[in-house]
C-alpha atoms as a PDB file:
ATOM      1  CA  MET A   1       0.000   0.000   0.000  1.00  0.00           C
ATOM      2  CA  ARG A   2       1.037   3.635  -0.421  1.00  0.00           C
ATOM      3  CA  ALA A   3       1.752   5.621   2.717  1.00  0.00           C
ATOM      4  CA  VAL A   4       3.418   8.845   3.807  1.00  0.00           C
ATOM      5  CA  VAL A   5       6.291   7.833   6.087  1.00  0.00           C
ATOM      6  CA  TYR A   6       9.120   9.445   8.042  1.00  0.00           C
ATOM      7  CA  ASP A   7      11.928   8.137  10.225  1.00  0.00           C
ATOM      8  CA  THR A   8      13.294  11.330  11.744  1.00  0.00           C
ATOM      9  CA  TYR A   9      11.788  14.412  13.359  1.00  0.00           C
ATOM     10  CA  GLY A  10      11.844  17.600  11.351  1.00  0.00           C
ATOM     11  CA  SER A  11      10.000  19.746   8.827  1.00  0.00           C
ATOM     12  CA  PRO A  12       7.493  18.410   6.262  1.00  0.00           C
ATOM     13  CA  ASN A  13      10.495  17.820   4.009  1.00  0.00           C
ATOM     14  CA  VAL A  14      11.351  14.648   5.962  1.00  0.00           C
ATOM     15  CA  LEU A  15       8.104  13.029   4.776  1.00  0.00           C
ATOM     16  CA  GLY A  16       7.981  10.782   1.727  1.00  0.00           C
ATOM     17  CA  VAL A  17       5.507   8.519  -0.056  1.00  0.00           C
ATOM     18  CA  ASP A  18       6.538   4.855  -0.041  1.00  0.00           C
ATOM     19  CA  ASP A  19       5.109   1.379  -0.593  1.00  0.00           C
ATOM     20  CA  VAL A  20       4.771  -0.472   2.712  1.00  0.00           C
ATOM     21  CA  PRO A  21       3.036  -3.716   3.729  1.00  0.00           C
ATOM     22  CA  VAL A  22      -0.665  -3.619   4.551  1.00  0.00           C
ATOM     23  CA  PRO A  23      -0.931  -3.975   8.365  1.00  0.00           C
ATOM     24  CA  THR A  24      -2.561  -7.038   9.891  1.00  0.00           C
ATOM     25  CA  PRO A  25      -5.171  -6.442  12.626  1.00  0.00           C
ATOM     26  CA  ALA A  26      -4.649  -8.012  16.039  1.00  0.00           C
ATOM     27  CA  ALA A  27      -7.488  -9.812  17.805  1.00  0.00           C
ATOM     28  CA  ASP A  28      -9.093  -6.602  19.098  1.00  0.00           C
ATOM     29  CA  GLN A  29      -8.315  -4.479  16.027  1.00  0.00           C
ATOM     30  CA  VAL A  30      -9.980  -3.539  12.754  1.00  0.00           C
ATOM     31  CA  LEU A  31      -8.313  -3.118   9.364  1.00  0.00           C
ATOM     32  CA  ILE A  32      -9.689  -0.020   7.624  1.00  0.00           C
ATOM     33  CA  GLU A  33      -9.463   1.133   4.045  1.00  0.00           C
ATOM     34  CA  VAL A  34      -8.853   4.799   4.802  1.00  0.00           C
ATOM     35  CA  VAL A  35     -10.931   7.259   2.792  1.00  0.00           C
ATOM     36  CA  ALA A  36     -10.145  10.480   4.678  1.00  0.00           C
ATOM     37  CA  THR A  37      -7.901  11.634   7.515  1.00  0.00           C
ATOM     38  CA  SER A  38      -8.089  15.050   9.146  1.00  0.00           C
ATOM     39  CA  LEU A  39      -5.040  16.850  10.483  1.00  0.00           C
ATOM     40  CA  ASN A  40      -4.592  17.786  14.117  1.00  0.00           C
ATOM     41  CA  LEU A  41      -1.992  19.719  16.052  1.00  0.00           C
ATOM     42  CA  THR A  42      -0.774  16.338  17.353  1.00  0.00           C
ATOM     43  CA  ASP A  43       0.305  15.475  13.785  1.00  0.00           C
ATOM     44  CA  TRP A  44       2.340  18.673  13.512  1.00  0.00           C
ATOM     45  CA  GLU A  45       3.895  18.094  16.926  1.00  0.00           C
ATOM     46  CA  GLY A  46       4.587  14.441  16.116  1.00  0.00           C
ATOM     47  CA  LEU A  47       6.319  15.449  12.894  1.00  0.00           C
ATOM     48  CA  ARG A  48       8.554  18.001  14.586  1.00  0.00           C
ATOM     49  CA  GLY A  49       9.062  16.085  17.819  1.00  0.00           C
ATOM     50  CA  SER A  50       8.203  19.248  19.716  1.00  0.00           C
ATOM     51  CA  PRO A  51       7.029  19.931  22.393  1.00  0.00           C
ATOM     52  CA  LEU A  52       9.038  17.237  24.133  1.00  0.00           C
ATOM     53  CA  TYR A  53       5.947  15.233  25.118  1.00  0.00           C
ATOM     54  CA  ALA A  54       5.418  14.571  21.392  1.00  0.00           C
ATOM     55  CA  ARG A  55       8.420  12.215  21.608  1.00  0.00           C
ATOM     56  CA  ILE A  56       6.864   9.876  24.148  1.00  0.00           C
ATOM     57  CA  GLY A  57       7.729   6.355  23.014  1.00  0.00           C
ATOM     58  CA  GLY A  58      10.367   7.608  20.585  1.00  0.00           C
ATOM     59  CA  LEU A  59      12.837  10.053  22.082  1.00  0.00           C
ATOM     60  CA  ARG A  60      15.368  10.012  19.228  1.00  0.00           C
ATOM     61  CA  SER A  61      13.200   8.826  16.337  1.00  0.00           C
ATOM     62  CA  PRO A  62       9.442   8.502  15.779  1.00  0.00           C
ATOM     63  CA  ALA A  63       7.751   5.535  17.419  1.00  0.00           C
ATOM     64  CA  ARG A  64       5.268   5.414  14.520  1.00  0.00           C
ATOM     65  CA  GLN A  65       6.435   6.019  10.962  1.00  0.00           C
ATOM     66  CA  ILE A  66       2.992   6.989   9.662  1.00  0.00           C
ATOM     67  CA  LEU A  67       1.142   9.953  11.157  1.00  0.00           C
ATOM     68  CA  GLY A  68      -2.595  10.647  11.025  1.00  0.00           C
ATOM     69  CA  SER A  69      -4.972   9.682  13.825  1.00  0.00           C
ATOM     70  CA  ASP A  70      -8.424  11.038  12.901  1.00  0.00           C
ATOM     71  CA  ILE A  71      -9.524   8.511  10.293  1.00  0.00           C
ATOM     72  CA  ALA A  72     -12.696   7.605   8.424  1.00  0.00           C
ATOM     73  CA  GLY A  73     -13.122   4.679   6.073  1.00  0.00           C
ATOM     74  CA  ARG A  74     -14.495   1.205   5.424  1.00  0.00           C
ATOM     75  CA  VAL A  75     -13.803  -1.936   7.420  1.00  0.00           C
ATOM     76  CA  VAL A  76     -11.861  -4.510   5.385  1.00  0.00           C
ATOM     77  CA  ALA A  77     -11.126  -7.146   8.022  1.00  0.00           C
ATOM     78  CA  VAL A  78     -11.607  -7.648  11.762  1.00  0.00           C
ATOM     79  CA  GLY A  79      -9.679  -9.430  14.490  1.00  0.00           C
ATOM     80  CA  ALA A  80     -10.976 -12.563  16.228  1.00  0.00           C
ATOM     81  CA  LYS A  81     -12.294 -10.660  19.270  1.00  0.00           C
ATOM     82  CA  VAL A  82     -14.028  -7.838  17.370  1.00  0.00           C
ATOM     83  CA  THR A  83     -17.822  -7.943  17.759  1.00  0.00           C
ATOM     84  CA  ARG A  84     -19.109  -4.462  16.852  1.00  0.00           C
ATOM     85  CA  PHE A  85     -17.953  -4.259  13.228  1.00  0.00           C
ATOM     86  CA  GLN A  86     -17.735  -6.392  10.123  1.00  0.00           C
ATOM     87  CA  PRO A  87     -16.269  -5.891   6.632  1.00  0.00           C
ATOM     88  CA  GLY A  88     -18.075  -3.204   4.701  1.00  0.00           C
ATOM     89  CA  ASP A  89     -19.027  -1.085   7.727  1.00  0.00           C
ATOM     90  CA  GLU A  90     -18.280   2.635   7.501  1.00  0.00           C
ATOM     91  CA  VAL A  91     -16.425   3.863  10.597  1.00  0.00           C
ATOM     92  CA  TYR A  92     -14.553   6.835  11.998  1.00  0.00           C
ATOM     93  CA  GLY A  93     -12.469   7.490  15.098  1.00  0.00           C
ATOM     94  CA  ASP A  94      -9.352   8.884  16.742  1.00  0.00           C
ATOM     95  CA  ASN A  95      -6.554   6.343  16.286  1.00  0.00           C
ATOM     96  CA  LEU A  96      -4.099   8.338  18.404  1.00  0.00           C
ATOM     97  CA  GLN A  97      -2.573   5.194  19.904  1.00  0.00           C
ATOM     98  CA  LEU A  98      -1.494   3.658  16.587  1.00  0.00           C
ATOM     99  CA  LYS A  99      -1.900   6.507  14.067  1.00  0.00           C
ATOM    100  CA  GLY A 100      -1.344   5.388  10.449  1.00  0.00           C
ATOM    101  CA  GLY A 101      -4.042   7.516   8.809  1.00  0.00           C
ATOM    102  CA  PHE A 102      -1.802   8.906   6.051  1.00  0.00           C
ATOM    103  CA  ALA A 103      -1.968   5.610   4.197  1.00  0.00           C
ATOM    104  CA  GLU A 104      -4.333   3.543   2.104  1.00  0.00           C
ATOM    105  CA  PHE A 105      -4.985   1.131   4.984  1.00  0.00           C
ATOM    106  CA  ALA A 106      -4.681   1.395   8.768  1.00  0.00           C
ATOM    107  CA  VAL A 107      -5.382  -0.769  11.805  1.00  0.00           C
ATOM    108  CA  ALA A 108      -7.232   0.665  14.806  1.00  0.00           C
ATOM    109  CA  PRO A 109      -8.562  -0.740  18.082  1.00  0.00           C
ATOM    110  CA  GLU A 110     -12.247  -1.565  17.934  1.00  0.00           C
ATOM    111  CA  SER A 111     -12.708   0.602  21.030  1.00  0.00           C
ATOM    112  CA  ALA A 112     -11.498   3.714  19.162  1.00  0.00           C
ATOM    113  CA  LEU A 113     -14.119   3.526  16.419  1.00  0.00           C
ATOM    114  CA  ALA A 114     -17.767   4.452  15.904  1.00  0.00           C
ATOM    115  CA  ALA A 115     -20.160   3.839  13.042  1.00  0.00           C
ATOM    116  CA  LYS A 116     -20.055   6.783  10.636  1.00  0.00           C
ATOM    117  CA  PRO A 117     -23.354   8.653  10.457  1.00  0.00           C
ATOM    118  CA  PRO A 118     -24.687   8.139   6.908  1.00  0.00           C
ATOM    119  CA  GLU A 119     -25.516  11.856   6.660  1.00  0.00           C
ATOM    120  CA  LEU A 120     -21.811  12.745   6.827  1.00  0.00           C
ATOM    121  CA  THR A 121     -19.182  12.283   4.142  1.00  0.00           C
ATOM    122  CA  PHE A 122     -15.977  10.506   5.106  1.00  0.00           C
ATOM    123  CA  ALA A 123     -14.149  13.840   4.972  1.00  0.00           C
ATOM    124  CA  GLN A 124     -16.653  15.438   7.325  1.00  0.00           C
ATOM    125  CA  ALA A 125     -16.584  12.518   9.748  1.00  0.00           C
ATOM    126  CA  SER A 126     -12.792  12.568   9.909  1.00  0.00           C
ATOM    127  CA  THR A 127     -12.844  16.120  11.330  1.00  0.00           C
ATOM    128  CA  ILE A 128     -14.760  15.141  14.460  1.00  0.00           C
ATOM    129  CA  PRO A 129     -13.060  12.574  16.758  1.00  0.00           C
ATOM    130  CA  GLN A 130     -10.112  14.371  18.352  1.00  0.00           C
ATOM    131  CA  ALA A 131     -11.286  17.969  18.009  1.00  0.00           C
ATOM    132  CA  GLY A 132     -14.814  16.984  19.000  1.00  0.00           C
ATOM    133  CA  ALA A 133     -13.796  15.187  22.171  1.00  0.00           C
ATOM    134  CA  ILE A 134     -11.729  18.180  23.297  1.00  0.00           C
ATOM    135  CA  ALA A 135     -14.473  20.675  22.434  1.00  0.00           C
ATOM    136  CA  ILE A 136     -17.210  18.747  24.236  1.00  0.00           C
ATOM    137  CA  GLN A 137     -15.205  18.211  27.417  1.00  0.00           C
ATOM    138  CA  GLY A 138     -13.590  21.638  27.346  1.00  0.00           C
ATOM    139  CA  THR A 139     -16.919  23.469  27.161  1.00  0.00           C
ATOM    140  CA  ALA A 140     -18.915  21.208  29.473  1.00  0.00           C
ATOM    141  CA  ARG A 141     -19.107  23.929  32.139  1.00  0.00           C
ATOM    142  CA  ALA A 142     -20.542  26.548  29.787  1.00  0.00           C
ATOM    143  CA  GLY A 143     -24.139  27.590  30.350  1.00  0.00           C
ATOM    144  CA  PRO A 144     -26.613  30.486  30.387  1.00  0.00           C
ATOM    145  CA  GLY A 145     -25.226  33.647  31.937  1.00  0.00           C
ATOM    146  CA  ARG A 146     -21.624  32.458  31.858  1.00  0.00           C
ATOM    147  CA  ARG A 147     -18.743  34.106  30.019  1.00  0.00           C
ATOM    148  CA  VAL A 148     -16.373  31.808  28.129  1.00  0.00           C
ATOM    149  CA  LEU A 149     -13.102  32.636  26.365  1.00  0.00           C
ATOM    150  CA  ILE A 150     -11.496  30.263  23.868  1.00  0.00           C
ATOM    151  CA  ASN A 151      -7.849  30.949  23.064  1.00  0.00           C
ATOM    152  CA  GLY A 152      -7.016  29.585  19.604  1.00  0.00           C
ATOM    153  CA  ALA A 153     -10.676  29.528  18.615  1.00  0.00           C
ATOM    154  CA  GLY A 154     -10.220  29.652  14.839  1.00  0.00           C
ATOM    155  CA  GLY A 155      -8.789  26.161  14.438  1.00  0.00           C
ATOM    156  CA  GLY A 156     -10.382  22.727  14.374  1.00  0.00           C
ATOM    157  CA  THR A 157     -11.250  22.347  18.045  1.00  0.00           C
ATOM    158  CA  GLY A 158     -12.145  26.016  18.428  1.00  0.00           C
ATOM    159  CA  THR A 159     -14.577  25.823  15.515  1.00  0.00           C
ATOM    160  CA  PHE A 160     -16.612  23.211  17.373  1.00  0.00           C
ATOM    161  CA  ALA A 161     -16.073  24.806  20.792  1.00  0.00           C
ATOM    162  CA  ILE A 162     -17.515  28.178  19.766  1.00  0.00           C
ATOM    163  CA  GLN A 163     -20.660  26.510  18.478  1.00  0.00           C
ATOM    164  CA  LEU A 164     -21.061  24.316  21.565  1.00  0.00           C
ATOM    165  CA  VAL A 165     -20.720  27.301  23.886  1.00  0.00           C
ATOM    166  CA  LYS A 166     -23.376  29.167  21.903  1.00  0.00           C
ATOM    167  CA  ARG A 167     -25.651  26.116  22.125  1.00  0.00           C
ATOM    168  CA  SER A 168     -25.278  26.241  25.907  1.00  0.00           C
ATOM    169  CA  GLY A 169     -26.504  29.845  26.062  1.00  0.00           C
ATOM    170  CA  ALA A 170     -23.201  31.305  27.266  1.00  0.00           C
ATOM    171  CA  HIS A 171     -21.386  34.395  25.995  1.00  0.00           C
ATOM    172  CA  VAL A 172     -18.285  33.360  24.009  1.00  0.00           C
ATOM    173  CA  THR A 173     -15.141  35.295  23.131  1.00  0.00           C
ATOM    174  CA  GLY A 174     -12.811  33.889  20.486  1.00  0.00           C
ATOM    175  CA  VAL A 175      -9.088  34.684  20.420  1.00  0.00           C
ATOM    176  CA  ASP A 176      -6.913  34.113  17.337  1.00  0.00           C
ATOM    177  CA  ASN A 177      -5.089  36.087  14.643  1.00  0.00           C
ATOM    178  CA  ALA A 178      -6.698  38.871  12.633  1.00  0.00           C
ATOM    179  CA  GLU A 179      -7.277  36.639   9.605  1.00  0.00           C
ATOM    180  CA  LYS A 180      -9.753  34.555  11.612  1.00  0.00           C
ATOM    181  CA  LEU A 181     -11.868  37.240  13.291  1.00  0.00           C
ATOM    182  CA  ASP A 182     -14.682  37.267  10.722  1.00  0.00           C
ATOM    183  CA  PHE A 183     -14.642  33.469  10.610  1.00  0.00           C
ATOM    184  CA  MET A 184     -15.104  33.244  14.385  1.00  0.00           C
ATOM    185  CA  ARG A 185     -17.980  35.720  14.209  1.00  0.00           C
ATOM    186  CA  SER A 186     -19.628  33.574  11.540  1.00  0.00           C
ATOM    187  CA  LEU A 187     -19.514  30.635  13.960  1.00  0.00           C
ATOM    188  CA  GLY A 188     -21.415  32.646  16.568  1.00  0.00           C
ATOM    189  CA  ALA A 189     -18.673  34.293  18.644  1.00  0.00           C
ATOM    190  CA  ASP A 190     -20.107  37.271  20.556  1.00  0.00           C
ATOM    191  CA  ASP A 191     -16.705  38.919  20.799  1.00  0.00           C
ATOM    192  CA  VAL A 192     -13.391  38.357  19.011  1.00  0.00           C
ATOM    193  CA  ILE A 193      -9.815  39.341  19.858  1.00  0.00           C
ATOM    194  CA  ASP A 194      -6.753  39.539  17.640  1.00  0.00           C
ATOM    195  CA  TYR A 195      -4.019  38.336  19.979  1.00  0.00           C
ATOM    196  CA  ARG A 196      -1.415  40.254  17.988  1.00  0.00           C
ATOM    197  CA  SER A 197      -2.985  43.601  18.794  1.00  0.00           C
ATOM    198  CA  GLU A 198      -4.698  42.958  22.144  1.00  0.00           C
ATOM    199  CA  ASP A 199      -3.822  40.906  25.214  1.00  0.00           C
ATOM    200  CA  PHE A 200      -6.957  39.174  26.450  1.00  0.00           C
ATOM    201  CA  THR A 201      -5.461  38.866  29.952  1.00  0.00           C
ATOM    202  CA  GLU A 202      -5.717  42.652  30.325  1.00  0.00           C
ATOM    203  CA  ARG A 203      -9.475  42.799  29.887  1.00  0.00           C
ATOM    204  CA  GLU A 204     -11.444  44.167  32.813  1.00  0.00           C
ATOM    205  CA  GLN A 205     -14.503  41.902  32.755  1.00  0.00           C
ATOM    206  CA  PRO A 206     -13.573  38.399  33.945  1.00  0.00           C
ATOM    207  CA  TYR A 207     -14.462  35.032  32.413  1.00  0.00           C
ATOM    208  CA  ASP A 208     -16.077  32.041  34.092  1.00  0.00           C
ATOM    209  CA  LEU A 209     -14.271  29.589  31.809  1.00  0.00           C
ATOM    210  CA  ILE A 210     -11.096  29.882  29.745  1.00  0.00           C
ATOM    211  CA  LEU A 211     -10.333  27.073  27.310  1.00  0.00           C
ATOM    212  CA  ASP A 212      -6.711  27.534  26.258  1.00  0.00           C
ATOM    213  CA  LEU A 213      -5.942  25.570  23.093  1.00  0.00           C
ATOM    214  CA  VAL A 214      -2.510  27.107  22.492  1.00  0.00           C
ATOM    215  CA  GLY A 215      -1.109  27.742  25.972  1.00  0.00           C
ATOM    216  CA  HIS A 216       1.261  30.625  25.249  1.00  0.00           C
ATOM    217  CA  ARG A 217       0.081  33.101  27.888  1.00  0.00           C
ATOM    218  CA  SER A 218       1.301  33.273  31.475  1.00  0.00           C
ATOM    219  CA  VAL A 219      -0.920  31.285  33.835  1.00  0.00           C
ATOM    220  CA  LEU A 220      -0.811  34.117  36.362  1.00  0.00           C
ATOM    221  CA  ALA A 221      -1.983  36.549  33.690  1.00  0.00           C
ATOM    222  CA  CYS A 222      -4.816  34.182  32.763  1.00  0.00           C
ATOM    223  CA  ARG A 223      -5.786  33.875  36.425  1.00  0.00           C
ATOM    224  CA  ARG A 224      -6.127  37.642  36.538  1.00  0.00           C
ATOM    225  CA  VAL A 225      -9.082  37.551  34.113  1.00  0.00           C
ATOM    226  CA  LEU A 226     -10.693  34.470  35.656  1.00  0.00           C
ATOM    227  CA  ALA A 227     -13.802  35.151  37.752  1.00  0.00           C
ATOM    228  CA  PRO A 228     -13.986  33.852  41.338  1.00  0.00           C
ATOM    229  CA  GLY A 229     -14.988  30.211  41.125  1.00  0.00           C
ATOM    230  CA  GLY A 230     -13.966  30.188  37.455  1.00  0.00           C
ATOM    231  CA  ARG A 231     -12.050  27.477  35.609  1.00  0.00           C
ATOM    232  CA  TYR A 232      -8.978  27.640  33.365  1.00  0.00           C
ATOM    233  CA  LEU A 233      -8.326  24.563  31.188  1.00  0.00           C
ATOM    234  CA  TRP A 234      -4.975  24.086  29.407  1.00  0.00           C
ATOM    235  CA  VAL A 235      -5.088  21.845  26.339  1.00  0.00           C
ATOM    236  CA  GLY A 236      -1.902  22.405  24.356  1.00  0.00           C
ATOM    237  CA  GLY A 237       1.317  24.384  24.235  1.00  0.00           C
ATOM    238  CA  ARG A 238       4.909  24.308  25.354  1.00  0.00           C
ATOM    239  CA  VAL A 239       6.152  21.971  28.091  1.00  0.00           C
ATOM    240  CA  ARG A 240       7.230  24.991  30.134  1.00  0.00           C
ATOM    241  CA  SER A 241       3.655  26.300  30.016  1.00  0.00           C
ATOM    242  CA  LEU A 242       2.284  22.921  31.050  1.00  0.00           C
ATOM    243  CA  LEU A 243       4.612  22.725  34.057  1.00  0.00           C
ATOM    244  CA  ARG A 244       3.612  26.217  35.149  1.00  0.00           C
ATOM    245  CA  VAL A 245      -0.067  25.320  34.926  1.00  0.00           C
ATOM    246  CA  LEU A 246       0.447  22.194  37.033  1.00  0.00           C
ATOM    247  CA  THR A 247       2.511  24.019  39.671  1.00  0.00           C
ATOM    248  CA  VAL A 248       2.125  27.778  39.892  1.00  0.00           C
ATOM    249  CA  GLY A 249      -1.314  27.768  38.296  1.00  0.00           C
ATOM    250  CA  THR A 250      -2.724  25.116  40.611  1.00  0.00           C
ATOM    251  CA  ILE A 251      -1.443  26.831  43.754  1.00  0.00           C
ATOM    252  CA  ALA A 252      -2.415  30.357  42.691  1.00  0.00           C
ATOM    253  CA  GLY A 253      -5.857  29.182  41.648  1.00  0.00           C
ATOM    254  CA  ARG A 254      -6.601  27.493  44.953  1.00  0.00           C
ATOM    255  CA  LEU A 255      -5.424  30.467  46.952  1.00  0.00           C
ATOM    256  CA  THR A 256      -7.801  32.768  45.067  1.00  0.00           C
ATOM    257  CA  GLY A 257     -10.858  30.539  44.754  1.00  0.00           C
ATOM    258  CA  ARG A 258     -10.261  29.557  41.135  1.00  0.00           C
ATOM    259  CA  ARG A 259      -9.338  26.288  39.422  1.00  0.00           C
ATOM    260  CA  MET A 260      -6.497  26.082  36.923  1.00  0.00           C
ATOM    261  CA  GLY A 261      -5.296  22.872  35.386  1.00  0.00           C
ATOM    262  CA  LEU A 262      -4.846  20.523  32.463  1.00  0.00           C
ATOM    263  CA  LEU A 263      -7.871  19.247  30.559  1.00  0.00           C
ATOM    264  CA  ALA A 264      -7.415  15.474  30.783  1.00  0.00           C
ATOM    265  CA  VAL A 265      -9.228  14.567  27.574  1.00  0.00           C
ATOM    266  CA  LYS A 266     -11.058  11.250  27.479  1.00  0.00           C
ATOM    267  CA  ASP A 267     -11.095   9.683  24.031  1.00  0.00           C
ATOM    268  CA  GLY A 268     -13.293   7.144  22.305  1.00  0.00           C
ATOM    269  CA  PRO A 269     -16.770   7.063  20.728  1.00  0.00           C
ATOM    270  CA  ASP A 270     -18.559   7.950  23.964  1.00  0.00           C
ATOM    271  CA  HIS A 271     -16.747  11.269  23.990  1.00  0.00           C
ATOM    272  CA  PHE A 272     -16.889  12.317  20.317  1.00  0.00           C
ATOM    273  CA  GLY A 273     -20.013  10.438  19.221  1.00  0.00           C
ATOM    274  CA  PRO A 274     -22.507  13.058  20.457  1.00  0.00           C
ATOM    275  CA  LEU A 275     -20.879  15.705  18.264  1.00  0.00           C
ATOM    276  CA  GLY A 276     -21.102  13.378  15.285  1.00  0.00           C
ATOM    277  CA  GLU A 277     -24.839  13.079  15.892  1.00  0.00           C
ATOM    278  CA  TRP A 278     -25.266  16.867  16.212  1.00  0.00           C
ATOM    279  CA  CYS A 279     -23.335  17.423  12.995  1.00  0.00           C
ATOM    280  CA  ALA A 280     -25.373  14.762  11.196  1.00  0.00           C
ATOM    281  CA  ALA A 281     -28.560  16.485  12.354  1.00  0.00           C
ATOM    282  CA  GLY A 282     -27.324  19.863  11.113  1.00  0.00           C
ATOM    283  CA  GLU A 283     -27.166  21.335  14.621  1.00  0.00           C
ATOM    284  CA  VAL A 284     -23.399  21.920  14.494  1.00  0.00           C
ATOM    285  CA  ASP A 285     -21.522  22.887  11.336  1.00  0.00           C
ATOM    286  CA  ILE A 286     -18.335  21.284  10.047  1.00  0.00           C
ATOM    287  CA  HIS A 287     -15.843  23.658   8.422  1.00  0.00           C
ATOM    288  CA  ILE A 288     -13.214  22.144   6.125  1.00  0.00           C
ATOM    289  CA  ASP A 289     -10.691  24.752   5.036  1.00  0.00           C
ATOM    290  CA  ARG A 290      -8.859  22.668   2.420  1.00  0.00           C
ATOM    291  CA  THR A 291      -8.530  19.091   1.235  1.00  0.00           C
ATOM    292  CA  PHE A 292      -5.306  17.500   0.001  1.00  0.00           C
ATOM    293  CA  ALA A 293      -4.368  14.240  -1.722  1.00  0.00           C
ATOM    294  CA  LEU A 294      -2.153  11.610  -0.093  1.00  0.00           C
ATOM    295  CA  ASP A 295       0.852  12.757  -2.120  1.00  0.00           C
ATOM    296  CA  ASP A 296       0.350  16.271  -0.774  1.00  0.00           C
ATOM    297  CA  VAL A 297       0.489  15.444   2.945  1.00  0.00           C
ATOM    298  CA  PRO A 298       3.766  17.399   3.391  1.00  0.00           C
ATOM    299  CA  GLU A 299       2.067  20.470   1.911  1.00  0.00           C
ATOM    300  CA  ALA A 300      -1.000  19.908   4.102  1.00  0.00           C
ATOM    301  CA  LEU A 301       1.091  19.723   7.275  1.00  0.00           C
ATOM    302  CA  ALA A 302       3.067  22.817   6.272  1.00  0.00           C
ATOM    303  CA  TYR A 303      -0.203  24.684   5.813  1.00  0.00           C
ATOM    304  CA  LEU A 304      -1.379  23.526   9.241  1.00  0.00           C
ATOM    305  CA  GLY A 305       1.880  24.601  10.829  1.00  0.00           C
ATOM    306  CA  GLU A 306       1.560  28.125   9.432  1.00  0.00           C
ATOM    307  CA  GLY A 307      -1.420  28.717  11.732  1.00  0.00           C
ATOM    308  CA  HIS A 308      -3.790  30.087   9.092  1.00  0.00           C
ATOM    309  CA  VAL A 309      -6.262  27.177   8.949  1.00  0.00           C
ATOM    310  CA  LEU A 310      -9.935  28.074   9.367  1.00  0.00           C
ATOM    311  CA  GLY A 311     -11.461  24.963  10.906  1.00  0.00           C
ATOM    312  CA  LYS A 312     -10.016  21.665   9.672  1.00  0.00           C
ATOM    313  CA  VAL A 313      -7.701  20.363   6.946  1.00  0.00           C
ATOM    314  CA  VAL A 314      -8.475  16.946   5.446  1.00  0.00           C
ATOM    315  CA  VAL A 315      -6.423  14.480   3.410  1.00  0.00           C
ATOM    316  CA  GLU A 316      -8.551  12.374   1.056  1.00  0.00           C
ATOM    317  CA  ILE A 317      -6.756   9.083   0.522  1.00  0.00           C
ATOM    318  CA  SER A 318      -8.707   7.470  -2.291  1.00  0.00           C
END
């Protein structure tokens, strides 16, 4: 089968298309003919090997030679212990454990997959698992009368998060670069901030919930604009930022009646499936910025890394 592989961390230039053996599913795994794979920040981090936690399992070289975790496709074969799927079924899921989505075939644990809603295309379904799980859990505390700020709101997770906050009846502020302000408004953001021209941590009116998808601001500065009893959730960013959230942020938050910490995202169909149903019903919109072919995965990842993506980027394999 054809796959985009790499054996060293670096820029998209280290990626190449090669012929590799079709993987064989273990007893609890499913072999999928991949139709579409969406890109996530974890793919960019896994390519570069940065932040350092992206090298877990492979400090000097990648543990997995094929990136791509958010996959959608058709079941080709199943392991002996698989009971929920059979060949021909259309599935989607976050295969973060094994990756392999930038290829014609991939194996994934049965537990990572859900049946694809027939109302969604494979490309649409592939945008949901990872970003959807983060958005649902990260905005769970939103509700009527609450003020929510999403830092990095113009990307894949933020696109869903803005809409979920609006569904809850809360006021939502989206933070990203100037190119994404109109896009965030179109999703329902009540207020938008260009981080290059305004520091959201200097605003006077506090927020009940801050979902930080990029983690580049000081945790003490973020605490300053967090309302008493409010919650700050860190999702991604530099290791230094993570350590500060887990130490300084935790202590400072407790001393001032606020909670600051890491969003421990739970994965699997139970955690992204509801969003798939809402999207299938037309209650939440899916925004695909661009689609690329398998041969163009390096270009797709470079585009993601530039930070200009509005919503999601998808690689269509077939």
